C-alpha cells in the first residue's frame, strides 16, 4: 500500500512538473492569437456571431455533400456488376444516374451553380 501511494505521488509530481515546464517553454504570445483561432466558413470568430452569411456558400456546400454521398453509392455498383443479372444492374444504375442528372438539372435551372447572379 505504501508503494502504491509513493508511486501515485511521484506520478502527480512528474505530471505537474511537465505541465509547468510546458507553460514556461511555450512560445504563445498575444501576436499569435489569429493563428490559434479557428477559421470556419469565412467567419471571424472574434466578431459578432449573428452576422448573416452567404446563402450561396451554404448551397454550394450542400450540393458538394450530396454529390459526395452519391459517389460513395456509385462505388459498390462495380463489384455488384459481376454478381447480379446484367438487365437488373443496368436498370438500377440507369435509374440512379437519371436521378443524379435530374438533380443536377434542377440545381442548374435554379442558378445554384452560378457564382454570380
PDB file of N, CA and C in Angstrom:
ATOM      1  N   UNK A   1       0.814  -1.189   0.000  1.00  0.00           N
ATOM      2  CA  UNK A   1       0.000   0.000   0.000  1.00  0.00           C
ATOM      3  C   UNK A   1       0.861   1.258   0.000  1.00  0.00           C
ATOM      4  N   UNK A   2       1.946   1.224   0.734  1.00  0.00           N
ATOM      5  CA  UNK A   2       2.853   2.364   0.786  1.00  0.00           C
ATOM      6  C   UNK A   2       3.512   2.580  -0.573  1.00  0.00           C
ATOM      7  N   UNK A   3       3.838   1.494  -1.262  1.00  0.00           N
ATOM      8  CA  UNK A   3       4.475   1.603  -2.580  1.00  0.00           C
ATOM      9  C   UNK A   3       3.489   2.225  -3.571  1.00  0.00           C
ATOM     10  N   UNK A   4       2.244   1.821  -3.527  1.00  0.00           N
ATOM     11  CA  UNK A   4       1.224   2.379  -4.418  1.00  0.00           C
ATOM     12  C   UNK A   4       1.028   3.879  -4.169  1.00  0.00           C
ATOM     13  N   UNK A   5       1.007   4.285  -2.925  1.00  0.00           N
ATOM     14  CA  UNK A   5       0.884   5.696  -2.580  1.00  0.00           C
ATOM     15  C   UNK A   5       2.103   6.476  -3.038  1.00  0.00           C
ATOM     16  N   UNK A   6       3.270   5.912  -2.853  1.00  0.00           N
ATOM     17  CA  UNK A   6       4.513   6.571  -3.277  1.00  0.00           C
ATOM     18  C   UNK A   6       4.557   6.731  -4.797  1.00  0.00           C
ATOM     19  N   UNK A   7       4.153   5.702  -5.515  1.00  0.00           N
ATOM     20  CA  UNK A   7       4.136   5.786  -6.980  1.00  0.00           C
ATOM     21  C   UNK A   7       3.117   6.829  -7.433  1.00  0.00           C
ATOM     22  N   UNK A   8       1.966   6.889  -6.784  1.00  0.00           N
ATOM     23  CA  UNK A   8       0.953   7.891  -7.152  1.00  0.00           C
ATOM     24  C   UNK A   8       1.465   9.306  -6.917  1.00  0.00           C
ATOM     25  N   UNK A   9       2.146   9.526  -5.811  1.00  0.00           N
ATOM     26  CA  UNK A   9       2.707  10.842  -5.519  1.00  0.00           C
ATOM     27  C   UNK A   9       3.771  11.209  -6.544  1.00  0.00           C
ATOM     28  N   UNK A  10       4.623  10.260  -6.908  1.00  0.00           N
ATOM     29  CA  UNK A  10       5.672  10.521  -7.906  1.00  0.00           C
ATOM     30  C   UNK A  10       5.040  10.861  -9.260  1.00  0.00           C
ATOM     31  N   UNK A  11       3.992  10.133  -9.645  1.00  0.00           N
ATOM     32  CA  UNK A  11       3.317  10.418 -10.918  1.00  0.00           C
ATOM     33  C   UNK A  11       2.692  11.809 -10.900  1.00  0.00           C
ATOM     34  N   UNK A  12       2.058  12.190  -9.811  1.00  0.00           N
ATOM     35  CA  UNK A  12       1.459  13.526  -9.698  1.00  0.00           C
ATOM     36  C   UNK A  12       2.529  14.608  -9.766  1.00  0.00           C
ATOM     37  N   UNK A  13       3.642  14.404  -9.096  1.00  0.00           N
ATOM     38  CA  UNK A  13       4.725  15.397  -9.119  1.00  0.00           C
ATOM     39  C   UNK A  13       5.309  15.530 -10.519  1.00  0.00           C
ATOM     40  N   UNK A  14       5.566  14.406 -11.184  1.00  0.00           N
ATOM     41  CA  UNK A  14       6.146  14.456 -12.536  1.00  0.00           C
ATOM     42  C   UNK A  14       5.173  15.124 -13.509  1.00  0.00           C
ATOM     43  N   UNK A  15       3.883  14.802 -13.428  1.00  0.00           N
ATOM     44  CA  UNK A  15       2.924  15.422 -14.343  1.00  0.00           C
ATOM     45  C   UNK A  15       2.796  16.921 -14.094  1.00  0.00           C
ATOM     46  N   UNK A  16       2.838  17.342 -12.842  1.00  0.00           N
ATOM     47  CA  UNK A  16       2.783  18.783 -12.552  1.00  0.00           C
ATOM     48  C   UNK A  16       4.028  19.497 -13.051  1.00  0.00           C
ATOM     49  N   UNK A  17       5.192  18.868 -12.901  1.00  0.00           N
ATOM     50  CA  UNK A  17       6.432  19.461 -13.422  1.00  0.00           C
ATOM     51  C   UNK A  17       6.348  19.603 -14.937  1.00  0.00           C
ATOM     52  N   UNK A  18       5.852  18.582 -15.620  1.00  0.00           N
ATOM     53  CA  UNK A  18       5.744  18.643 -17.085  1.00  0.00           C
ATOM     54  C   UNK A  18       4.770  19.742 -17.537  1.00  0.00           C
ATOM     55  N   UNK A  19       3.635  19.885 -16.866  1.00  0.00           N
ATOM     56  CA  UNK A  19       2.687  20.943 -17.229  1.00  0.00           C
ATOM     57  C   UNK A  19       3.282  22.323 -16.970  1.00  0.00           C
ATOM     58  N   UNK A  20       3.981  22.476 -15.859  1.00  0.00           N
ATOM     59  CA  UNK A  20       4.604  23.751 -15.550  1.00  0.00           C
ATOM     60  C   UNK A  20       5.676  24.100 -16.584  1.00  0.00           C
ATOM     61  N   UNK A  21       6.482  23.126 -16.980  1.00  0.00           N
ATOM     62  CA  UNK A  21       7.514  23.366 -17.994  1.00  0.00           C
ATOM     63  C   UNK A  21       6.902  23.714 -19.352  1.00  0.00           C
ATOM     64  N   UNK A  22       5.812  23.071 -19.696  1.00  0.00           N
ATOM     65  CA  UNK A  22       5.186  23.397 -20.986  1.00  0.00           C
ATOM     66  C   UNK A  22       4.637  24.816 -20.993  1.00  0.00           C
ATOM     67  N   UNK A  23       4.140  25.282 -19.864  1.00  0.00           N
ATOM     68  CA  UNK A  23       3.650  26.663 -19.783  1.00  0.00           C
ATOM     69  C   UNK A  23       4.807  27.651 -19.908  1.00  0.00           C
ATOM     70  N   UNK A  24       5.913  27.352 -19.267  1.00  0.00           N
ATOM     71  CA  UNK A  24       7.073  28.258 -19.299  1.00  0.00           C
ATOM     72  C   UNK A  24       7.733  28.265 -20.680  1.00  0.00           C
ATOM     73  N   UNK A  25       7.887  27.110 -21.283  1.00  0.00           N
ATOM     74  CA  UNK A  25       8.637  26.995 -22.532  1.00  0.00           C
ATOM     75  C   UNK A  25       7.816  27.406 -23.750  1.00  0.00           C
ATOM     76  N   UNK A  26       6.493  27.332 -23.689  1.00  0.00           N
ATOM     77  CA  UNK A  26       5.675  27.603 -24.868  1.00  0.00           C
ATOM     78  C   UNK A  26       5.925  29.008 -25.399  1.00  0.00           C
ATOM     79  N   UNK A  27       5.792  29.145 -26.728  1.00  0.00           N
ATOM     80  CA  UNK A  27       6.089  30.416 -27.386  1.00  0.00           C
ATOM     81  C   UNK A  27       4.826  31.198 -27.734  1.00  0.00           C
ATOM     82  N   UNK A  28       3.731  30.885 -27.106  1.00  0.00           N
ATOM     83  CA  UNK A  28       2.495  31.602 -27.406  1.00  0.00           C
ATOM     84  C   UNK A  28       2.582  33.035 -26.901  1.00  0.00           C
ATOM     85  N   UNK A  29       2.070  33.909 -27.695  1.00  0.00           N
ATOM     86  CA  UNK A  29       2.014  35.311 -27.305  1.00  0.00           C
ATOM     87  C   UNK A  29       0.704  35.901 -27.814  1.00  0.00           C
ATOM     88  N   UNK A  30       0.476  37.130 -27.495  1.00  0.00           N
ATOM     89  CA  UNK A  30      -0.740  37.792 -27.947  1.00  0.00           C
ATOM     90  C   UNK A  30      -0.742  37.965 -29.460  1.00  0.00           C
ATOM     91  N   UNK A  31       0.447  38.020 -30.071  1.00  0.00           N
ATOM     92  CA  UNK A  31       0.552  38.192 -31.515  1.00  0.00           C
ATOM     93  C   UNK A  31       0.092  36.935 -32.265  1.00  0.00           C
ATOM     94  N   UNK A  32       0.111  35.777 -31.626  1.00  0.00           N
ATOM     95  CA  UNK A  32      -0.284  34.528 -32.268  1.00  0.00           C
ATOM     96  C   UNK A  32      -1.771  34.230 -32.101  1.00  0.00           C
ATOM     97  N   UNK A  33      -2.514  35.192 -31.651  1.00  0.00           N
ATOM     98  CA  UNK A  33      -3.931  34.978 -31.386  1.00  0.00           C
ATOM     99  C   UNK A  33      -4.691  34.575 -32.650  1.00  0.00           C
ATOM    100  N   UNK A  34      -4.399  35.194 -33.766  1.00  0.00           N
ATOM    101  CA  UNK A  34      -5.088  34.886 -35.018  1.00  0.00           C
ATOM    102  C   UNK A  34      -4.694  33.502 -35.544  1.00  0.00           C
ATOM    103  N   UNK A  35      -3.453  33.098 -35.329  1.00  0.00           N
ATOM    104  CA  UNK A  35      -3.034  31.781 -35.786  1.00  0.00           C
ATOM    105  C   UNK A  35      -3.737  30.676 -35.028  1.00  0.00           C
ATOM    106  N   UNK A  36      -3.991  30.877 -33.772  1.00  0.00           N
ATOM    107  CA  UNK A  36      -4.594  29.849 -32.929  1.00  0.00           C
ATOM    108  C   UNK A  36      -6.110  29.831 -33.004  1.00  0.00           C
ATOM    109  N   UNK A  37      -6.705  30.810 -33.648  1.00  0.00           N
ATOM    110  CA  UNK A  37      -8.162  30.861 -33.706  1.00  0.00           C
ATOM    111  C   UNK A  37      -8.659  29.957 -34.839  1.00  0.00           C
ATOM    112  N   UNK A  38      -9.827  29.382 -34.683  1.00  0.00           N
ATOM    113  CA  UNK A  38     -10.376  28.528 -35.741  1.00  0.00           C
ATOM    114  C   UNK A  38     -10.875  29.387 -36.900  1.00  0.00           C
ATOM    115  N   UNK A  39     -10.754  28.851 -38.090  1.00  0.00           N
ATOM    116  CA  UNK A  39     -11.262  29.527 -39.279  1.00  0.00           C
ATOM    117  C   UNK A  39     -12.352  28.640 -39.858  1.00  0.00           C
ATOM    118  N   UNK A  40     -13.591  29.054 -39.741  1.00  0.00           N
ATOM    119  CA  UNK A  40     -14.698  28.244 -40.202  1.00  0.00           C
ATOM    120  C   UNK A  40     -15.557  29.040 -41.166  1.00  0.00           C
ATOM    121  N   UNK A  41     -15.618  28.607 -42.373  1.00  0.00           N
ATOM    122  CA  UNK A  41     -16.530  29.142 -43.382  1.00  0.00           C
ATOM    123  C   UNK A  41     -16.393  30.648 -43.591  1.00  0.00           C
ATOM    124  N   UNK A  42     -15.233  31.176 -43.408  1.00  0.00           N
ATOM    125  CA  UNK A  42     -15.030  32.585 -43.642  1.00  0.00           C
ATOM    126  C   UNK A  42     -15.489  33.481 -42.523  1.00  0.00           C
ATOM    127  N   UNK A  43     -15.912  32.931 -41.385  1.00  0.00           N
ATOM    128  CA  UNK A  43     -16.338  33.745 -40.254  1.00  0.00           C
ATOM    129  C   UNK A  43     -15.144  34.133 -39.414  1.00  0.00           C
ATOM    130  N   UNK A  44     -15.191  35.332 -38.864  1.00  0.00           N
ATOM    131  CA  UNK A  44     -14.190  35.755 -37.899  1.00  0.00           C
ATOM    132  C   UNK A  44     -14.717  35.401 -36.514  1.00  0.00           C
ATOM    133  N   UNK A  45     -14.072  34.462 -35.807  1.00  0.00           N
ATOM    134  CA  UNK A  45     -14.619  34.041 -34.518  1.00  0.00           C
ATOM    135  C   UNK A  45     -14.540  35.105 -33.441  1.00  0.00           C
ATOM    136  N   UNK A  46     -13.788  36.175 -33.666  1.00  0.00           N
ATOM    137  CA  UNK A  46     -13.647  37.230 -32.659  1.00  0.00           C
ATOM    138  C   UNK A  46     -14.714  38.311 -32.811  1.00  0.00           C
ATOM    139  N   UNK A  47     -15.518  38.218 -33.880  1.00  0.00           N
ATOM    140  CA  UNK A  47     -16.554  39.234 -34.087  1.00  0.00           C
ATOM    141  C   UNK A  47     -17.911  38.689 -33.651  1.00  0.00           C
ATOM    142  N   UNK A  48     -18.941  39.448 -33.928  1.00  0.00           N
ATOM    143  CA  UNK A  48     -20.282  39.064 -33.509  1.00  0.00           C
ATOM    144  C   UNK A  48     -20.715  37.777 -34.228  1.00  0.00           C
ATOM    145  N   UNK A  49     -21.349  36.871 -33.515  1.00  0.00           N
ATOM    146  CA  UNK A  49     -21.700  35.570 -34.073  1.00  0.00           C
ATOM    147  C   UNK A  49     -22.946  35.613 -34.936  1.00  0.00           C
ATOM    148  N   UNK A  50     -23.746  36.641 -34.849  1.00  0.00           N
ATOM    149  CA  UNK A  50     -25.015  36.705 -35.569  1.00  0.00           C
ATOM    150  C   UNK A  50     -24.922  37.474 -36.886  1.00  0.00           C
ATOM    151  N   UNK A  51     -23.761  37.488 -37.501  1.00  0.00           N
ATOM    152  CA  UNK A  51     -23.605  38.147 -38.795  1.00  0.00           C
ATOM    153  C   UNK A  51     -24.196  37.235 -39.870  1.00  0.00           C
ATOM    154  N   UNK A  52     -24.994  37.755 -40.802  1.00  0.00           N
ATOM    155  CA  UNK A  52     -25.555  36.896 -41.843  1.00  0.00           C
ATOM    156  C   UNK A  52     -24.454  36.353 -42.761  1.00  0.00           C
ATOM    157  N   UNK A  53     -24.611  35.131 -43.149  1.00  0.00           N
ATOM    158  CA  UNK A  53     -23.618  34.502 -44.020  1.00  0.00           C
ATOM    159  C   UNK A  53     -24.190  34.363 -45.419  1.00  0.00           C
ATOM    160  N   UNK A  54     -23.315  34.037 -46.346  1.00  0.00           N
ATOM    161  CA  UNK A  54     -23.713  33.907 -47.736  1.00  0.00           C
ATOM    162  C   UNK A  54     -24.517  32.629 -47.932  1.00  0.00           C
ATOM    163  N   UNK A  55     -25.729  32.758 -48.385  1.00  0.00           N
ATOM    164  CA  UNK A  55     -26.566  31.597 -48.651  1.00  0.00           C
ATOM    165  C   UNK A  55     -26.016  30.787 -49.812  1.00  0.00           C
ATOM    166  N   UNK A  56     -25.377  31.467 -50.744  1.00  0.00           N
ATOM    167  CA  UNK A  56     -24.799  30.774 -51.888  1.00  0.00           C
ATOM    168  C   UNK A  56     -23.686  29.826 -51.441  1.00  0.00           C
ATOM    169  N   UNK A  57     -22.867  30.256 -50.511  1.00  0.00           N
ATOM    170  CA  UNK A  57     -21.817  29.389 -49.979  1.00  0.00           C
ATOM    171  C   UNK A  57     -22.426  28.150 -49.340  1.00  0.00           C
ATOM    172  N   UNK A  58     -23.504  28.323 -48.602  1.00  0.00           N
ATOM    173  CA  UNK A  58     -24.190  27.199 -47.975  1.00  0.00           C
ATOM    174  C   UNK A  58     -24.736  26.234 -49.016  1.00  0.00           C
ATOM    175  N   UNK A  59     -25.342  26.750 -50.088  1.00  0.00           N
ATOM    176  CA  UNK A  59     -25.909  25.889 -51.125  1.00  0.00           C
ATOM    177  C   UNK A  59     -24.829  25.090 -51.842  1.00  0.00           C
ATOM    178  N   UNK A  60     -23.697  25.722 -52.123  1.00  0.00           N
ATOM    179  CA  UNK A  60     -22.591  25.003 -52.762  1.00  0.00           C
ATOM    180  C   UNK A  60     -22.096  23.889 -51.849  1.00  0.00           C
ATOM    181  N   UNK A  61     -22.050  24.139 -50.563  1.00  0.00           N
ATOM    182  CA  UNK A  61     -21.623  23.116 -49.610  1.00  0.00           C
ATOM    183  C   UNK A  61     -22.590  21.952 -49.586  1.00  0.00           C
ATOM    184  N   UNK A  62     -23.868  22.229 -49.576  1.00  0.00           N
ATOM    185  CA  UNK A  62     -24.872  21.163 -49.568  1.00  0.00           C
ATOM    186  C   UNK A  62     -24.811  20.355 -50.864  1.00  0.00           C
ATOM    187  N   UNK A  63     -24.642  21.030 -51.992  1.00  0.00           N
ATOM    188  CA  UNK A  63     -24.515  20.327 -53.268  1.00  0.00           C
ATOM    189  C   UNK A  63     -23.288  19.420 -53.264  1.00  0.00           C
ATOM    190  N   UNK A  64     -22.176  19.916 -52.742  1.00  0.00           N
ATOM    191  CA  UNK A  64     -20.973  19.091 -52.658  1.00  0.00           C
ATOM    192  C   UNK A  64     -21.213  17.855 -51.805  1.00  0.00           C
ATOM    193  N   UNK A  65     -21.872  18.016 -50.661  1.00  0.00           N
ATOM    194  CA  UNK A  65     -22.140  16.876 -49.792  1.00  0.00           C
ATOM    195  C   UNK A  65     -23.061  15.861 -50.458  1.00  0.00           C
ATOM    196  N   UNK A  66     -24.064  16.337 -51.157  1.00  0.00           N
ATOM    197  CA  UNK A  66     -24.988  15.428 -51.837  1.00  0.00           C
ATOM    198  C   UNK A  66     -24.245  14.617 -52.889  1.00  0.00           C
ATOM    199  N   UNK A  67     -23.451  15.273 -53.724  1.00  0.00           N
ATOM    200  CA  UNK A  67     -22.742  14.543 -54.769  1.00  0.00           C
ATOM    201  C   UNK A  67     -21.625  13.670 -54.200  1.00  0.00           C
ATOM    202  N   UNK A  68     -21.074  14.054 -53.086  1.00  0.00           N
ATOM    203  CA  UNK A  68     -20.060  13.224 -52.441  1.00  0.00           C
ATOM    204  C   UNK A  68     -20.683  11.921 -51.944  1.00  0.00           C
ATOM    205  N   UNK A  69     -21.848  11.995 -51.353  1.00  0.00           N
ATOM    206  CA  UNK A  69     -22.544  10.786 -50.895  1.00  0.00           C
ATOM    207  C   UNK A  69     -22.961   9.936 -52.087  1.00  0.00           C
ATOM    208  N   UNK A  70     -23.386  10.562 -53.159  1.00  0.00           N
ATOM    209  CA  UNK A  70     -23.788   9.807 -54.342  1.00  0.00           C
ATOM    210  C   UNK A  70     -22.605   9.082 -54.965  1.00  0.00           C
ATOM    211  N   UNK A  71     -21.433   9.668 -54.936  1.00  0.00           N
ATOM    212  CA  UNK A  71     -20.248   8.976 -55.440  1.00  0.00           C
ATOM    213  C   UNK A  71     -19.943   7.765 -54.584  1.00  0.00           C
ATOM    214  N   UNK A  72     -20.145   7.891 -53.289  1.00  0.00           N
ATOM    215  CA  UNK A  72     -19.942   6.742 -52.400  1.00  0.00           C
ATOM    216  C   UNK A  72     -20.967   5.647 -52.689  1.00  0.00           C
ATOM    217  N   UNK A  73     -22.120   5.997 -53.196  1.00  0.00           N
ATOM    218  CA  UNK A  73     -23.117   4.993 -53.570  1.00  0.00           C
ATOM    219  C   UNK A  73     -22.828   4.366 -54.932  1.00  0.00           C
ATOM    220  N   UNK A  74     -22.075   5.058 -55.774  1.00  0.00           N
ATOM    221  CA  UNK A  74     -21.740   4.521 -57.098  1.00  0.00           C
ATOM    222  C   UNK A  74     -20.663   3.443 -56.994  1.00  0.00           C
ATOM    223  N   UNK A  75     -19.728   3.577 -56.072  1.00  0.00           N
ATOM    224  CA  UNK A  75     -18.620   2.625 -55.971  1.00  0.00           C
ATOM    225  C   UNK A  75     -19.053   1.168 -55.826  1.00  0.00           C
ATOM    226  N   UNK A  76     -20.055   0.834 -55.030  1.00  0.00           N
ATOM    227  CA  UNK A  76     -20.445  -0.587 -54.935  1.00  0.00           C
ATOM    228  C   UNK A  76     -21.092  -1.144 -56.202  1.00  0.00           C
ATOM    229  N   UNK A  77     -21.449  -0.299 -57.150  1.00  0.00           N
ATOM    230  CA  UNK A  77     -22.059  -0.799 -58.381  1.00  0.00           C
ATOM    231  C   UNK A  77     -21.096  -1.657 -59.194  1.00  0.00           C
ATOM    232  N   UNK A  78     -19.819  -1.383 -59.096  1.00  0.00           N
ATOM    233  CA  UNK A  78     -18.836  -2.109 -59.910  1.00  0.00           C
ATOM    234  C   UNK A  78     -18.698  -3.570 -59.464  1.00  0.00           C
ATOM    235  N   UNK A  79     -18.482  -3.864 -58.176  1.00  0.00           N
ATOM    236  CA  UNK A  79     -18.397  -5.280 -57.797  1.00  0.00           C
ATOM    237  C   UNK A  79     -19.730  -6.025 -57.932  1.00  0.00           C
ATOM    238  N   UNK A  80     -20.846  -5.318 -57.777  1.00  0.00           N
ATOM    239  CA  UNK A  80     -22.153  -5.961 -57.897  1.00  0.00           C
ATOM    240  C   UNK A  80     -22.426  -6.358 -59.341  1.00  0.00           C
ATOM    241  N   UNK A  81     -21.773  -5.698 -60.294  1.00  0.00           N
ATOM    242  CA  UNK A  81     -21.976  -5.979 -61.713  1.00  0.00           C
ATOM    243  C   UNK A  81     -21.722  -7.450 -62.029  1.00  0.00           C
ATOM    244  N   UNK A  82     -20.737  -8.063 -61.383  1.00  0.00           N
ATOM    245  CA  UNK A  82     -20.398  -9.465 -61.653  1.00  0.00           C
ATOM    246  C   UNK A  82     -21.358 -10.440 -60.978  1.00  0.00           C
ATOM    247  N   UNK A  83     -22.064 -10.018 -59.942  1.00  0.00           N
ATOM    248  CA  UNK A  83     -22.892 -10.931 -59.150  1.00  0.00           C
ATOM    249  C   UNK A  83     -24.377 -10.879 -59.494  1.00  0.00           C
ATOM    250  N   UNK A  84     -24.808  -9.834 -60.177  1.00  0.00           N
ATOM    251  CA  UNK A  84     -26.233  -9.630 -60.443  1.00  0.00           C
ATOM    252  C   UNK A  84     -26.469  -9.738 -61.953  1.00  0.00           C
ATOM    253  N   UNK A  85     -27.687 -10.039 -62.297  1.00  0.00           N
ATOM    254  CA  UNK A  85     -28.079 -10.095 -63.702  1.00  0.00           C
ATOM    255  C   UNK A  85     -27.816  -8.744 -64.370  1.00  0.00           C
ATOM    256  N   UNK A  86     -27.353  -8.767 -65.618  1.00  0.00           N
ATOM    257  CA  UNK A  86     -26.984  -7.542 -66.315  1.00  0.00           C
ATOM    258  C   UNK A  86     -28.175  -6.613 -66.497  1.00  0.00           C
ATOM    259  N   UNK A  87     -29.348  -7.169 -66.791  1.00  0.00           N
ATOM    260  CA  UNK A  87     -30.536  -6.340 -67.019  1.00  0.00           C
ATOM    261  C   UNK A  87     -30.925  -5.602 -65.740  1.00  0.00           C
ATOM    262  N   UNK A  88     -30.942  -6.303 -64.618  1.00  0.00           N
ATOM    263  CA  UNK A  88     -31.303  -5.674 -63.343  1.00  0.00           C
ATOM    264  C   UNK A  88     -30.277  -4.603 -62.976  1.00  0.00           C
ATOM    265  N   UNK A  89     -28.998  -4.907 -63.168  1.00  0.00           N
ATOM    266  CA  UNK A  89     -27.937  -3.951 -62.856  1.00  0.00           C
ATOM    267  C   UNK A  89     -28.061  -2.717 -63.744  1.00  0.00           C
ATOM    268  N   UNK A  90     -28.348  -2.933 -65.038  1.00  0.00           N
ATOM    269  CA  UNK A  90     -28.463  -1.803 -65.975  1.00  0.00           C
ATOM    270  C   UNK A  90     -29.622  -0.893 -65.607  1.00  0.00           C
ATOM    271  N   UNK A  91     -30.762  -1.490 -65.286  1.00  0.00           N
ATOM    272  CA  UNK A  91     -31.944  -0.683 -64.940  1.00  0.00           C
ATOM    273  C   UNK A  91     -31.690   0.099 -63.650  1.00  0.00           C
ATOM    274  N   UNK A  92     -31.099  -0.570 -62.661  1.00  0.00           N
ATOM    275  CA  UNK A  92     -30.837   0.101 -61.384  1.00  0.00           C
ATOM    276  C   UNK A  92     -29.847   1.251 -61.552  1.00  0.00           C
ATOM    277  N   UNK A  93     -28.747   0.991 -62.259  1.00  0.00           N
ATOM    278  CA  UNK A  93     -27.744   2.055 -62.428  1.00  0.00           C
ATOM    279  C   UNK A  93     -28.266   3.171 -63.320  1.00  0.00           C
ATOM    280  N   UNK A  94     -29.048   2.825 -64.347  1.00  0.00           N
ATOM    281  CA  UNK A  94     -29.623   3.856 -65.210  1.00  0.00           C
ATOM    282  C   UNK A  94     -30.592   4.741 -64.425  1.00  0.00           C
ATOM    283  N   UNK A  95     -31.413   4.122 -63.574  1.00  0.00           N
ATOM    284  CA  UNK A  95     -32.345   4.893 -62.741  1.00  0.00           C
ATOM    285  C   UNK A  95     -31.585   5.794 -61.770  1.00  0.00           C
ATOM    286  N   UNK A  96     -30.516   5.271 -61.170  1.00  0.00           N
ATOM    287  CA  UNK A  96     -29.713   6.073 -60.240  1.00  0.00           C
ATOM    288  C   UNK A  96     -29.077   7.271 -60.945  1.00  0.00           C
ATOM    289  N   UNK A  97     -28.477   7.035 -62.124  1.00  0.00           N
ATOM    290  CA  UNK A  97     -27.862   8.139 -62.863  1.00  0.00           C
ATOM    291  C   UNK A  97     -28.900   9.130 -63.386  1.00  0.00           C
ATOM    292  N   UNK A  98     -30.094   8.645 -63.699  1.00  0.00           N
ATOM    293  CA  UNK A  98     -31.160   9.547 -64.126  1.00  0.00           C
ATOM    294  C   UNK A  98     -31.569  10.479 -62.993  1.00  0.00           C
ATOM    295  N   UNK A  99     -31.664   9.927 -61.771  1.00  0.00           N
ATOM    296  CA  UNK A  99     -31.974  10.766 -60.611  1.00  0.00           C
ATOM    297  C   UNK A  99     -30.866  11.779 -60.375  1.00  0.00           C
ATOM    298  N   UNK A 100     -29.613  11.349 -60.537  1.00  0.00           N
ATOM    299  CA  UNK A 100     -28.479  12.274 -60.402  1.00  0.00           C
ATOM    300  C   UNK A 100     -28.566  13.408 -61.419  1.00  0.00           C
ATOM    301  N   UNK A 101     -28.820  13.053 -62.662  1.00  0.00           N
ATOM    302  CA  UNK A 101     -28.883  14.071 -63.715  1.00  0.00           C
ATOM    303  C   UNK A 101     -30.078  15.002 -63.530  1.00  0.00           C
ATOM    304  N   UNK A 102     -31.210  14.469 -63.074  1.00  0.00           N
ATOM    305  CA  UNK A 102     -32.358  15.338 -62.810  1.00  0.00           C
ATOM    306  C   UNK A 102     -32.070  16.309 -61.670  1.00  0.00           C
ATOM    307  N   UNK A 103     -31.369  15.837 -60.635  1.00  0.00           N
ATOM    308  CA  UNK A 103     -30.985  16.732 -59.547  1.00  0.00           C
ATOM    309  C   UNK A 103     -30.022  17.809 -60.013  1.00  0.00           C
ATOM    310  N   UNK A 104     -29.062  17.420 -60.852  1.00  0.00           N
ATOM    311  CA  UNK A 104     -28.110  18.390 -61.393  1.00  0.00           C
ATOM    312  C   UNK A 104     -28.817  19.413 -62.275  1.00  0.00           C
ATOM    313  N   UNK A 105     -29.758  18.944 -63.093  1.00  0.00           N
ATOM    314  CA  UNK A 105     -30.513  19.862 -63.944  1.00  0.00           C
ATOM    315  C   UNK A 105     -31.331  20.844 -63.101  1.00  0.00           C
ATOM    316  N   UNK A 106     -31.950  20.345 -62.035  1.00  0.00           N
ATOM    317  CA  UNK A 106     -32.741  21.217 -61.155  1.00  0.00           C
ATOM    318  C   UNK A 106     -31.855  22.280 -60.499  1.00  0.00           C
ATOM    319  N   UNK A 107     -30.676  21.871 -60.038  1.00  0.00           N
ATOM    320  CA  UNK A 107     -29.754  22.842 -59.428  1.00  0.00           C
ATOM    321  C   UNK A 107     -29.283  23.860 -60.453  1.00  0.00           C
ATOM    322  N   UNK A 108     -29.040  23.423 -61.673  1.00  0.00           N
ATOM    323  CA  UNK A 108     -28.600  24.332 -62.724  1.00  0.00           C
ATOM    324  C   UNK A 108     -29.740  25.281 -63.099  1.00  0.00           C
ATOM    325  N   UNK A 109     -30.963  24.750 -63.149  1.00  0.00           N
ATOM    326  CA  UNK A 109     -32.128  25.555 -63.502  1.00  0.00           C
ATOM    327  C   UNK A 109     -32.419  26.612 -62.437  1.00  0.00           C
ATOM    328  N   UNK A 110     -32.130  26.318 -61.170  1.00  0.00           N
ATOM    329  CA  UNK A 110     -32.365  27.270 -60.073  1.00  0.00           C
ATOM    330  C   UNK A 110     -31.176  28.227 -59.863  1.00  0.00           C
ATOM    331  N   UNK A 111     -30.180  28.182 -60.734  1.00  0.00           N
ATOM    332  CA  UNK A 111     -28.966  29.009 -60.675  1.00  0.00           C
ATOM    333  C   UNK A 111     -28.182  28.800 -59.379  1.00  0.00           C
ATOM    334  N   UNK A 112     -28.181  27.580 -58.875  1.00  0.00           N
ATOM    335  CA  UNK A 112     -27.392  27.296 -57.678  1.00  0.00           C
ATOM    336  C   UNK A 112     -25.922  27.071 -58.005  1.00  0.00           C
ATOM    337  N   UNK A 113     -25.620  26.795 -59.249  1.00  0.00           N
ATOM    338  CA  UNK A 113     -24.242  26.526 -59.630  1.00  0.00           C
ATOM    339  C   UNK A 113     -23.519  27.760 -60.136  1.00  0.00           C
ATOM    340  N   UNK A 114     -24.211  28.891 -60.247  1.00  0.00           N
ATOM    341  CA  UNK A 114     -23.585  30.134 -60.708  1.00  0.00           C
ATOM    342  C   UNK A 114     -23.082  30.925 -59.511  1.00  0.00           C
ATOM    343  N   UNK A 115     -21.859  31.438 -59.602  1.00  0.00           N
ATOM    344  CA  UNK A 115     -21.321  32.256 -58.516  1.00  0.00           C
ATOM    345  C   UNK A 115     -21.821  33.687 -58.594  1.00  0.00           C
ATOM    346  N   UNK A 116     -22.206  34.131 -59.760  1.00  0.00           N
ATOM    347  CA  UNK A 116     -22.742  35.494 -59.909  1.00  0.00           C
ATOM    348  C   UNK A 116     -24.202  35.405 -60.323  1.00  0.00           C
ATOM    349  N   UNK A 117     -24.977  36.334 -59.884  1.00  0.00           N
ATOM    350  CA  UNK A 117     -26.419  36.310 -60.180  1.00  0.00           C
ATOM    351  C   UNK A 117     -26.745  37.297 -61.245  1.00  0.00           C
TER     352      UNK A 117
END
